[in-house]
Structure formats: C-alpha cells, structure tokens
C-alpha atoms as a PDB file:
ATOM      1  CA  UNK A   1     -40.016  -6.001   0.638  1.00  0.00           C
ATOM      2  CA  UNK A   2     -36.868  -7.406  -0.922  1.00  0.00           C
ATOM      3  CA  UNK A   3     -33.725  -8.568   0.828  1.00  0.00           C
ATOM      4  CA  UNK A   4     -31.148  -8.507  -1.933  1.00  0.00           C
ATOM      5  CA  UNK A   5     -28.148 -10.755  -2.196  1.00  0.00           C
ATOM      6  CA  UNK A   6     -24.735  -9.304  -3.031  1.00  0.00           C
ATOM      7  CA  UNK A   7     -24.880  -9.530  -6.842  1.00  0.00           C
ATOM      8  CA  UNK A   8     -28.640  -9.766  -7.358  1.00  0.00           C
ATOM      9  CA  UNK A   9     -30.027  -7.346  -9.941  1.00  0.00           C
ATOM     10  CA  UNK A  10     -32.958  -5.086  -9.132  1.00  0.00           C
ATOM     11  CA  UNK A  11     -34.980  -2.835 -11.437  1.00  0.00           C
ATOM     12  CA  UNK A  12     -37.106  -0.366  -9.489  1.00  0.00           C
ATOM     13  CA  UNK A  13     -38.681   1.063 -12.656  1.00  0.00           C
ATOM     14  CA  UNK A  14     -40.306  -2.300 -13.424  1.00  0.00           C
ATOM     15  CA  UNK A  15     -42.323  -2.315 -10.175  1.00  0.00           C
ATOM     16  CA  UNK A  16     -45.661  -0.513 -10.042  1.00  0.00           C
ATOM     17  CA  UNK A  17     -46.213   0.059  -6.309  1.00  0.00           C
ATOM     18  CA  UNK A  18     -46.122   3.647  -5.047  1.00  0.00           C
ATOM     19  CA  UNK A  19     -43.544   2.905  -2.310  1.00  0.00           C
ATOM     20  CA  UNK A  20     -41.080   0.001  -2.368  1.00  0.00           C
ATOM     21  CA  UNK A  21     -38.184  -0.701  -0.040  1.00  0.00           C
ATOM     22  CA  UNK A  22     -35.150  -2.967  -0.266  1.00  0.00           C
ATOM     23  CA  UNK A  23     -32.538  -4.009   2.278  1.00  0.00           C
ATOM     24  CA  UNK A  24     -29.212  -5.766   1.984  1.00  0.00           C
ATOM     25  CA  UNK A  25     -25.860  -6.248   3.654  1.00  0.00           C
ATOM     26  CA  UNK A  26     -23.257  -5.753   0.917  1.00  0.00           C
ATOM     27  CA  UNK A  27     -19.502  -5.433   0.602  1.00  0.00           C
ATOM     28  CA  UNK A  28     -17.302  -4.142  -2.248  1.00  0.00           C
ATOM     29  CA  UNK A  29     -20.269  -2.793  -4.208  1.00  0.00           C
ATOM     30  CA  UNK A  30     -20.180  -0.657  -7.366  1.00  0.00           C
ATOM     31  CA  UNK A  31     -23.554   0.051  -8.944  1.00  0.00           C
ATOM     32  CA  UNK A  32     -22.101   1.720 -12.038  1.00  0.00           C
ATOM     33  CA  UNK A  33     -23.656   4.909 -13.391  1.00  0.00           C
ATOM     34  CA  UNK A  34     -27.420   4.541 -13.811  1.00  0.00           C
ATOM     35  CA  UNK A  35     -30.715   6.382 -13.334  1.00  0.00           C
ATOM     36  CA  UNK A  36     -34.337   5.610 -12.521  1.00  0.00           C
ATOM     37  CA  UNK A  37     -36.837   7.054 -14.973  1.00  0.00           C
ATOM     38  CA  UNK A  38     -40.067   6.476 -13.037  1.00  0.00           C
ATOM     39  CA  UNK A  39     -38.858   6.444  -9.434  1.00  0.00           C
ATOM     40  CA  UNK A  40     -37.270   8.828  -6.956  1.00  0.00           C
ATOM     41  CA  UNK A  41     -34.929   7.141  -4.482  1.00  0.00           C
ATOM     42  CA  UNK A  42     -33.950   7.561  -0.847  1.00  0.00           C
ATOM     43  CA  UNK A  43     -30.543   6.026  -0.151  1.00  0.00           C
ATOM     44  CA  UNK A  44     -29.396   5.323   3.401  1.00  0.00           C
ATOM     45  CA  UNK A  45     -27.154   2.972   5.397  1.00  0.00           C
ATOM     46  CA  UNK A  46     -27.659   2.563   9.174  1.00  0.00           C
ATOM     47  CA  UNK A  47     -24.113   1.169   9.342  1.00  0.00           C
ATOM     48  CA  UNK A  48     -21.166   1.548   6.993  1.00  0.00           C
ATOM     49  CA  UNK A  49     -20.379   4.355   4.587  1.00  0.00           C
ATOM     50  CA  UNK A  50     -21.292   4.924   0.925  1.00  0.00           C
ATOM     51  CA  UNK A  51     -19.804   7.214  -1.700  1.00  0.00           C
ATOM     52  CA  UNK A  52     -22.214   8.492  -4.342  1.00  0.00           C
ATOM     53  CA  UNK A  53     -21.002  10.094  -7.555  1.00  0.00           C
ATOM     54  CA  UNK A  54     -23.331  12.077  -9.808  1.00  0.00           C
ATOM     55  CA  UNK A  55     -22.570  13.779 -13.104  1.00  0.00           C
ATOM     56  CA  UNK A  56     -20.842  16.636 -11.276  1.00  0.00           C
ATOM     57  CA  UNK A  57     -20.549  15.822  -7.570  1.00  0.00           C
ATOM     58  CA  UNK A  58     -19.180  13.334  -5.076  1.00  0.00           C
ATOM     59  CA  UNK A  59     -21.081  12.831  -1.817  1.00  0.00           C
ATOM     60  CA  UNK A  60     -20.228  10.813   1.283  1.00  0.00           C
ATOM     61  CA  UNK A  61     -23.043   9.098   3.196  1.00  0.00           C
ATOM     62  CA  UNK A  62     -22.067   7.951   6.696  1.00  0.00           C
ATOM     63  CA  UNK A  63     -24.823   6.458   8.887  1.00  0.00           C
ATOM     64  CA  UNK A  64     -26.205   9.846   9.920  1.00  0.00           C
ATOM     65  CA  UNK A  65     -26.850  11.037   6.362  1.00  0.00           C
ATOM     66  CA  UNK A  66     -29.274  10.017   3.633  1.00  0.00           C
ATOM     67  CA  UNK A  67     -29.484  11.037  -0.006  1.00  0.00           C
ATOM     68  CA  UNK A  68     -32.655  12.018  -1.830  1.00  0.00           C
ATOM     69  CA  UNK A  69     -32.229  11.229  -5.540  1.00  0.00           C
ATOM     70  CA  UNK A  70     -34.903  12.577  -7.916  1.00  0.00           C
ATOM     71  CA  UNK A  71     -36.015  10.541 -10.922  1.00  0.00           C
ATOM     72  CA  UNK A  72     -33.683  10.767 -13.931  1.00  0.00           C
ATOM     73  CA  UNK A  73     -30.661  11.797 -11.818  1.00  0.00           C
ATOM     74  CA  UNK A  74     -27.645   9.790 -12.988  1.00  0.00           C
ATOM     75  CA  UNK A  75     -25.623   8.403 -10.074  1.00  0.00           C
ATOM     76  CA  UNK A  76     -23.176   5.710  -9.008  1.00  0.00           C
ATOM     77  CA  UNK A  77     -22.934   4.086  -5.569  1.00  0.00           C
ATOM     78  CA  UNK A  78     -19.671   2.668  -4.239  1.00  0.00           C
ATOM     79  CA  UNK A  79     -18.488   1.157  -0.983  1.00  0.00           C
ATOM     80  CA  UNK A  80     -15.707  -1.194   0.098  1.00  0.00           C
ATOM     81  CA  UNK A  81     -16.574  -2.578   3.516  1.00  0.00           C
ATOM     82  CA  UNK A  82     -19.801  -4.122   4.765  1.00  0.00           C
ATOM     83  CA  UNK A  83     -22.728  -1.698   4.481  1.00  0.00           C
ATOM     84  CA  UNK A  84     -26.285  -2.178   5.723  1.00  0.00           C
ATOM     85  CA  UNK A  85     -27.849  -0.889   2.525  1.00  0.00           C
ATOM     86  CA  UNK A  86     -31.353   0.580   2.624  1.00  0.00           C
ATOM     87  CA  UNK A  87     -33.134   2.046  -0.377  1.00  0.00           C
ATOM     88  CA  UNK A  88     -36.698   3.263  -0.741  1.00  0.00           C
ATOM     89  CA  UNK A  89     -38.182   4.021  -4.163  1.00  0.00           C
ATOM     90  CA  UNK A  90     -41.160   6.286  -4.678  1.00  0.00           C
ATOM     91  CA  UNK A  91     -43.366   6.698  -7.714  1.00  0.00           C
ATOM     92  CA  UNK A  92     -42.152   9.903  -9.362  1.00  0.00           C
ATOM     93  CA  UNK A  93     -45.451  11.800  -9.350  1.00  0.00           C
ATOM     94  CA  UNK A  94     -46.111  10.806  -5.727  1.00  0.00           C
ATOM     95  CA  UNK A  95     -42.618  11.866  -4.580  1.00  0.00           C
ATOM     96  CA  UNK A  96     -42.653  15.213  -6.337  1.00  0.00           C
ATOM     97  CA  UNK A  97     -45.706  16.309  -4.326  1.00  0.00           C
ATOM     98  CA  UNK A  98     -43.594  16.156  -1.172  1.00  0.00           C
ATOM     99  CA  UNK A  99     -39.916  16.587  -2.046  1.00  0.00           C
ATOM    100  CA  UNK A 100     -39.569  18.440  -5.336  1.00  0.00           C
ATOM    101  CA  UNK A 101     -36.813  17.745  -7.847  1.00  0.00           C
ATOM    102  CA  UNK A 102     -33.476  18.554  -6.224  1.00  0.00           C
ATOM    103  CA  UNK A 103     -30.700  16.189  -5.159  1.00  0.00           C
ATOM    104  CA  UNK A 104     -30.383  16.624  -1.384  1.00  0.00           C
ATOM    105  CA  UNK A 105     -28.233  15.197   1.422  1.00  0.00           C
ATOM    106  CA  UNK A 106     -30.204  15.204   4.672  1.00  0.00           C
ATOM    107  CA  UNK A 107     -29.532  14.411   8.313  1.00  0.00           C
ATOM    108  CA  UNK A 108     -31.184  11.245   9.640  1.00  0.00           C
ATOM    109  CA  UNK A 109     -32.776  11.594  13.069  1.00  0.00           C
ATOM    110  CA  UNK A 110     -33.769   8.537  15.179  1.00  0.00           C
ATOM    111  CA  UNK A 111     -37.417   8.697  14.091  1.00  0.00           C
ATOM    112  CA  UNK A 112     -36.548   8.770  10.382  1.00  0.00           C
ATOM    113  CA  UNK A 113     -34.119   5.921  10.916  1.00  0.00           C
ATOM    114  CA  UNK A 114     -36.876   3.746  12.390  1.00  0.00           C
ATOM    115  CA  UNK A 115     -39.425   4.682   9.722  1.00  0.00           C
ATOM    116  CA  UNK A 116     -37.003   3.931   6.878  1.00  0.00           C
ATOM    117  CA  UNK A 117     -36.206   0.571   8.457  1.00  0.00           C
ATOM    118  CA  UNK A 118     -39.886  -0.275   8.679  1.00  0.00           C
ATOM    119  CA  UNK A 119     -40.571   0.749   5.066  1.00  0.00           C
ATOM    120  CA  UNK A 120     -37.684  -1.392   3.806  1.00  0.00           C
ATOM    121  CA  UNK A 121     -39.292  -4.489   5.318  1.00  0.00           C
ATOM    122  CA  UNK A 122     -42.871  -3.867   4.205  1.00  0.00           C
ATOM    123  CA  UNK A 123     -44.481  -6.202   1.716  1.00  0.00           C
ATOM    124  CA  UNK A 124     -44.899  -4.504  -1.652  1.00  0.00           C
ATOM    125  CA  UNK A 125     -48.573  -3.633  -1.991  1.00  0.00           C
ATOM    126  CA  UNK A 126     -50.951  -0.696  -1.901  1.00  0.00           C
ATOM    127  CA  UNK A 127     -50.433   1.324   1.259  1.00  0.00           C
ATOM    128  CA  UNK A 128     -52.635   0.180   4.124  1.00  0.00           C
ATOM    129  CA  UNK A 129     -54.198   2.754   6.450  1.00  0.00           C
ATOM    130  CA  UNK A 130     -51.512   2.465   9.130  1.00  0.00           C
ATOM    131  CA  UNK A 131     -48.780   2.619   6.477  1.00  0.00           C
ATOM    132  CA  UNK A 132     -50.308   5.705   4.877  1.00  0.00           C
ATOM    133  CA  UNK A 133     -50.428   7.367   8.303  1.00  0.00           C
ATOM    134  CA  UNK A 134     -46.768   6.532   8.883  1.00  0.00           C
ATOM    135  CA  UNK A 135     -45.893   7.951   5.468  1.00  0.00           C
ATOM    136  CA  UNK A 136     -47.453  11.269   6.520  1.00  0.00           C
ATOM    137  CA  UNK A 137     -45.063  11.368   9.484  1.00  0.00           C
ATOM    138  CA  UNK A 138     -42.204  10.355   7.171  1.00  0.00           C
ATOM    139  CA  UNK A 139     -42.810  13.255   4.779  1.00  0.00           C
ATOM    140  CA  UNK A 140     -43.116  15.730   7.653  1.00  0.00           C
ATOM    141  CA  UNK A 141     -39.768  14.570   9.027  1.00  0.00           C
ATOM    142  CA  UNK A 142     -38.141  14.582   5.597  1.00  0.00           C
ATOM    143  CA  UNK A 143     -39.158  18.154   4.910  1.00  0.00           C
ATOM    144  CA  UNK A 144     -37.841  19.356   8.263  1.00  0.00           C
ATOM    145  CA  UNK A 145     -34.580  17.355   8.137  1.00  0.00           C
ATOM    146  CA  UNK A 146     -31.479  19.610   8.118  1.00  0.00           C
ATOM    147  CA  UNK A 147     -29.627  19.610   4.825  1.00  0.00           C
ATOM    148  CA  UNK A 148     -25.952  18.587   4.928  1.00  0.00           C
ATOM    149  CA  UNK A 149     -23.409  20.258   2.649  1.00  0.00           C
ATOM    150  CA  UNK A 150     -20.367  17.989   2.720  1.00  0.00           C
ATOM    151  CA  UNK A 151     -19.881  17.401  -0.994  1.00  0.00           C
ATOM    152  CA  UNK A 152     -17.164  17.694  -3.591  1.00  0.00           C
ATOM    153  CA  UNK A 153     -17.784  19.245  -6.995  1.00  0.00           C
ATOM    154  CA  UNK A 154     -16.003  17.239  -9.695  1.00  0.00           C
ATOM    155  CA  UNK A 155     -14.064  18.935 -12.516  1.00  0.00           C
ATOM    156  CA  UNK A 156     -15.563  18.576 -15.985  1.00  0.00           C
ATOM    157  CA  UNK A 157     -12.457  19.375 -18.055  1.00  0.00           C
ATOM    158  CA  UNK A 158     -11.585  16.216 -19.985  1.00  0.00           C
ATOM    159  CA  UNK A 159      -8.005  16.263 -18.677  1.00  0.00           C
ATOM    160  CA  UNK A 160      -9.190  15.967 -15.077  1.00  0.00           C
ATOM    161  CA  UNK A 161     -12.672  14.397 -15.181  1.00  0.00           C
ATOM    162  CA  UNK A 162     -11.509  10.832 -15.770  1.00  0.00           C
ATOM    163  CA  UNK A 163      -8.526  10.961 -13.442  1.00  0.00           C
ATOM    164  CA  UNK A 164     -10.588  12.461 -10.607  1.00  0.00           C
ATOM    165  CA  UNK A 165     -13.178   9.687 -11.014  1.00  0.00           C
ATOM    166  CA  UNK A 166     -10.378   7.140 -10.723  1.00  0.00           C
ATOM    167  CA  UNK A 167      -9.207   8.724  -7.469  1.00  0.00           C
ATOM    168  CA  UNK A 168     -12.737   8.296  -6.156  1.00  0.00           C
ATOM    169  CA  UNK A 169     -13.405   4.771  -7.365  1.00  0.00           C
ATOM    170  CA  UNK A 170      -9.970   3.398  -6.481  1.00  0.00           C
ATOM    171  CA  UNK A 171      -9.688   5.388  -3.247  1.00  0.00           C
ATOM    172  CA  UNK A 172      -6.306   6.653  -4.486  1.00  0.00           C
ATOM    173  CA  UNK A 173      -5.338   9.951  -2.888  1.00  0.00           C
ATOM    174  CA  UNK A 174      -4.956  12.851  -5.333  1.00  0.00           C
ATOM    175  CA  UNK A 175      -1.285  13.784  -5.701  1.00  0.00           C
ATOM    176  CA  UNK A 176       0.319  17.061  -4.729  1.00  0.00           C
ATOM    177  CA  UNK A 177      -0.125  19.805  -7.317  1.00  0.00           C
ATOM    178  CA  UNK A 178       3.472  19.640  -8.588  1.00  0.00           C
ATOM    179  CA  UNK A 179       3.218  15.855  -9.027  1.00  0.00           C
ATOM    180  CA  UNK A 180      -0.069  16.144 -10.900  1.00  0.00           C
ATOM    181  CA  UNK A 181       1.412  18.811 -13.167  1.00  0.00           C
ATOM    182  CA  UNK A 182       4.317  16.515 -14.014  1.00  0.00           C
ATOM    183  CA  UNK A 183       2.019  13.558 -14.621  1.00  0.00           C
ATOM    184  CA  UNK A 184      -0.304  15.260 -17.096  1.00  0.00           C
ATOM    185  CA  UNK A 185       2.151  17.769 -18.525  1.00  0.00           C
ATOM    186  CA  UNK A 186       0.311  20.924 -17.497  1.00  0.00           C
ATOM    187  CA  UNK A 187       1.410  24.091 -15.728  1.00  0.00           C
ATOM    188  CA  UNK A 188       0.454  24.285 -12.043  1.00  0.00           C
ATOM    189  CA  UNK A 189      -1.275  27.646 -12.508  1.00  0.00           C
ATOM    190  CA  UNK A 190      -3.370  26.186 -15.352  1.00  0.00           C
ATOM    191  CA  UNK A 191      -4.518  23.290 -13.185  1.00  0.00           C
ATOM    192  CA  UNK A 192      -5.512  25.564 -10.309  1.00  0.00           C
ATOM    193  CA  UNK A 193      -7.283  27.974 -12.653  1.00  0.00           C
ATOM    194  CA  UNK A 194      -9.360  25.150 -14.176  1.00  0.00           C
ATOM    195  CA  UNK A 195     -10.251  23.681 -10.782  1.00  0.00           C
ATOM    196  CA  UNK A 196     -11.216  27.110  -9.437  1.00  0.00           C
ATOM    197  CA  UNK A 197     -13.434  27.771 -12.435  1.00  0.00           C
ATOM    198  CA  UNK A 198     -15.158  24.372 -12.445  1.00  0.00           C
ATOM    199  CA  UNK A 199     -15.323  23.455  -8.751  1.00  0.00           C
ATOM    200  CA  UNK A 200     -15.048  26.797  -6.949  1.00  0.00           C
ATOM    201  CA  UNK A 201     -11.869  25.551  -5.232  1.00  0.00           C
ATOM    202  CA  UNK A 202      -8.206  25.732  -6.095  1.00  0.00           C
ATOM    203  CA  UNK A 203      -6.643  22.331  -6.661  1.00  0.00           C
ATOM    204  CA  UNK A 204      -5.038  22.408  -3.202  1.00  0.00           C
ATOM    205  CA  UNK A 205      -8.400  23.244  -1.585  1.00  0.00           C
ATOM    206  CA  UNK A 206     -10.140  20.553  -3.642  1.00  0.00           C
ATOM    207  CA  UNK A 207      -7.567  17.966  -2.570  1.00  0.00           C
ATOM    208  CA  UNK A 208      -8.105  18.905   1.070  1.00  0.00           C
ATOM    209  CA  UNK A 209     -11.867  18.499   0.695  1.00  0.00           C
ATOM    210  CA  UNK A 210     -11.265  15.086  -0.889  1.00  0.00           C
ATOM    211  CA  UNK A 211      -9.126  14.119   2.126  1.00  0.00           C
ATOM    212  CA  UNK A 212     -11.873  15.258   4.500  1.00  0.00           C
ATOM    213  CA  UNK A 213     -14.509  13.132   2.772  1.00  0.00           C
ATOM    214  CA  UNK A 214     -12.192  10.149   2.675  1.00  0.00           C
ATOM    215  CA  UNK A 215     -11.310  10.574   6.339  1.00  0.00           C
ATOM    216  CA  UNK A 216     -14.994  10.370   7.290  1.00  0.00           C
ATOM    217  CA  UNK A 217     -15.342   7.154   5.301  1.00  0.00           C
ATOM    218  CA  UNK A 218     -12.274   5.642   6.941  1.00  0.00           C
ATOM    219  CA  UNK A 219     -13.378   6.633  10.440  1.00  0.00           C
ATOM    220  CA  UNK A 220     -16.877   5.220   9.941  1.00  0.00           C
ATOM    221  CA  UNK A 221     -15.308   1.989   8.661  1.00  0.00           C
ATOM    222  CA  UNK A 222     -13.593   1.635  12.040  1.00  0.00           C
ATOM    223  CA  UNK A 223     -10.062   2.784  11.258  1.00  0.00           C
ATOM    224  CA  UNK A 224      -8.119   4.401  14.077  1.00  0.00           C
ATOM    225  CA  UNK A 225      -6.907   7.995  13.993  1.00  0.00           C
ATOM    226  CA  UNK A 226      -3.390   6.712  13.457  1.00  0.00           C
ATOM    227  CA  UNK A 227      -4.470   4.561  10.508  1.00  0.00           C
ATOM    228  CA  UNK A 228      -6.417   7.404   8.882  1.00  0.00           C
ATOM    229  CA  UNK A 229      -3.511   9.781   9.400  1.00  0.00           C
ATOM    230  CA  UNK A 230      -1.152   7.321   7.700  1.00  0.00           C
ATOM    231  CA  UNK A 231      -3.462   6.464   4.790  1.00  0.00           C
ATOM    232  CA  UNK A 232      -4.097  10.124   4.003  1.00  0.00           C
ATOM    233  CA  UNK A 233      -0.460  11.115   4.334  1.00  0.00           C
ATOM    234  CA  UNK A 234      -0.669  13.493   7.274  1.00  0.00           C
ATOM    235  CA  UNK A 235       2.628  14.292   8.998  1.00  0.00           C
ATOM    236  CA  UNK A 236       1.272  13.156  12.384  1.00  0.00           C
ATOM    237  CA  UNK A 237      -1.901  12.119  14.192  1.00  0.00           C
ATOM    238  CA  UNK A 238      -2.149  15.566  15.739  1.00  0.00           C
ATOM    239  CA  UNK A 239      -1.893  17.184  12.292  1.00  0.00           C
ATOM    240  CA  UNK A 240      -4.844  15.087  11.125  1.00  0.00           C
ATOM    241  CA  UNK A 241      -6.900  15.908  14.227  1.00  0.00           C
ATOM    242  CA  UNK A 242      -6.218  19.621  13.755  1.00  0.00           C
ATOM    243  CA  UNK A 243      -7.175  19.397  10.055  1.00  0.00           C
ATOM    244  CA  UNK A 244     -10.398  17.538  10.849  1.00  0.00           C
ATOM    245  CA  UNK A 245     -11.408  19.954  13.597  1.00  0.00           C
ATOM    246  CA  UNK A 246     -10.735  22.947  11.347  1.00  0.00           C
ATOM    247  CA  UNK A 247     -13.152  21.606   8.707  1.00  0.00           C
ATOM    248  CA  UNK A 248     -15.888  20.095  10.902  1.00  0.00           C
ATOM    249  CA  UNK A 249     -15.646  21.952  14.203  1.00  0.00           C
ATOM    250  CA  UNK A 250     -15.095  18.656  16.053  1.00  0.00           C
ATOM    251  CA  UNK A 251     -12.300  16.212  16.645  1.00  0.00           C
ATOM    252  CA  UNK A 252     -12.756  12.878  14.819  1.00  0.00           C
ATOM    253  CA  UNK A 253     -13.961  11.170  18.003  1.00  0.00           C
ATOM    254  CA  UNK A 254     -16.362  13.995  18.863  1.00  0.00           C
ATOM    255  CA  UNK A 255     -17.703  13.960  15.311  1.00  0.00           C
ATOM    256  CA  UNK A 256     -18.541  10.252  15.443  1.00  0.00           C
ATOM    257  CA  UNK A 257     -20.051  10.377  18.939  1.00  0.00           C
ATOM    258  CA  UNK A 258     -22.149  13.443  18.107  1.00  0.00           C
ATOM    259  CA  UNK A 259     -23.798  11.608  15.228  1.00  0.00           C
ATOM    260  CA  UNK A 260     -24.416   8.248  16.877  1.00  0.00           C
END
C-alpha cells in the first residue's frame, strides 16, 4: 500500500508484486502523457472528478465510473479540485487473463467500490488466501460491470489537435464555429468536414459533447446549476437543464442522485 503525497513520484513498472494499490487526496494534478509497460491500471476516484486523455480520446471519470487502462496505453490524467485518487496496478500477464487489452470505462457498483478501497490499502506482498479469494470476486464483478460510453474522440489534424488539447487542459470552452474559423483562418465547412471525418461528429456536435462532459465535471465538483449554466455559456438555467436531459435522459440533479 502507498499513500502518495501531492507531488510524490511513483513508478508502477519498478514494482514486482502482481497487484499493487495506491491512494491519495490530490488537487490540481496533471500527470502528463505517460504509459506503463509492464502493468495494466484501474483508475478510480470515490469522490471528485478526473479527466483522462489518451492518444485519440477524452474521457470523464466521475465517482461512479472507473477506467481500465491496458499496459502500453498512453494517457494523461488531469483534475482541478480535490480528488480521492485510487489506482490499482496489475501485472500485465495476470491482468490479460481476466480483462483483455481494450481501454474501457466501466460503472462502479457498491461492491466494486469497497473491493477497490480494500486493495488500495493492502500491504504490497504476494496475495494471501483471503486476498486471492477477494480478487476472484473482483474479476467477476469487473467482467459484468456495464460499460459506459461518455467519451469524446479528439481530432488528429495538426490544425486542431493541439488547440483541442488546450481546451481540455485549460478547461477553456471551445469557441463557436465562426469564431474558430476566424481564429485559425479556415473555412467553416472545412472545419466541420475534418471534424466529421476524424471524430464522427460535426464541429457543432463535438462542441456540444465537450460541454456535456465539462458539465458533469462541474456538477460533481459541487457547482450549482446556475454556475454551470454561466460557465458553459447557456442562455439560461432552463436551457442547460434541457440540454443535459436531452443527452443523458435525466436532469442534472437526477443524474447525480441516480449515481450516488
């Protein structure tokens, strides 16, 4: 077990145990892009919200979601407010027997939440009999956990890749299409064509998905509906609520209560 301090470095690949867990309360964290060559990783926060960026996707992890990261998957973890950070690393060959190779966002049920918490405070050693038995339950729950699909594909075109990463890392809202066109000197139709080709969404649709992800972060961080509406430039609180319900099937309050 390791309880990490805010700026303490940690190298999972240097540790030999089959299963290792770490825990920390952090704020304003940016891991930078990195990968683990010998370990798969389970990333989860029982409180707070994380944003994870891979080579081609952005994913939001509120407290009811966890991210399975296979070995050698490049990723970057960011958050602004206090997050109860939990991370479990698994020897690559051991993990692949149970979870395969894909990057997956999964729902966290109460049992998984408690098991992850226990693993993160184990001493690092060979698995004892009771721990091995608990790991069997863990893998059963992991393989039956519903997969979540709230993610944002990032454009790869050099004109938009860097600027879209800046919107993510600085939490700066993407501009309206006409403003973006003026800023980079491109035709609006060209921008939408590139976004549609590379992300499956027009620029306007992509921007709306970005707003949805950001709204979940802001709500989980404790911002009111009025504050979220203002930050994300909605015309009114009711316009934000209608937007959120259209994309999630729930009002913001219902969405948070449903996943407590």
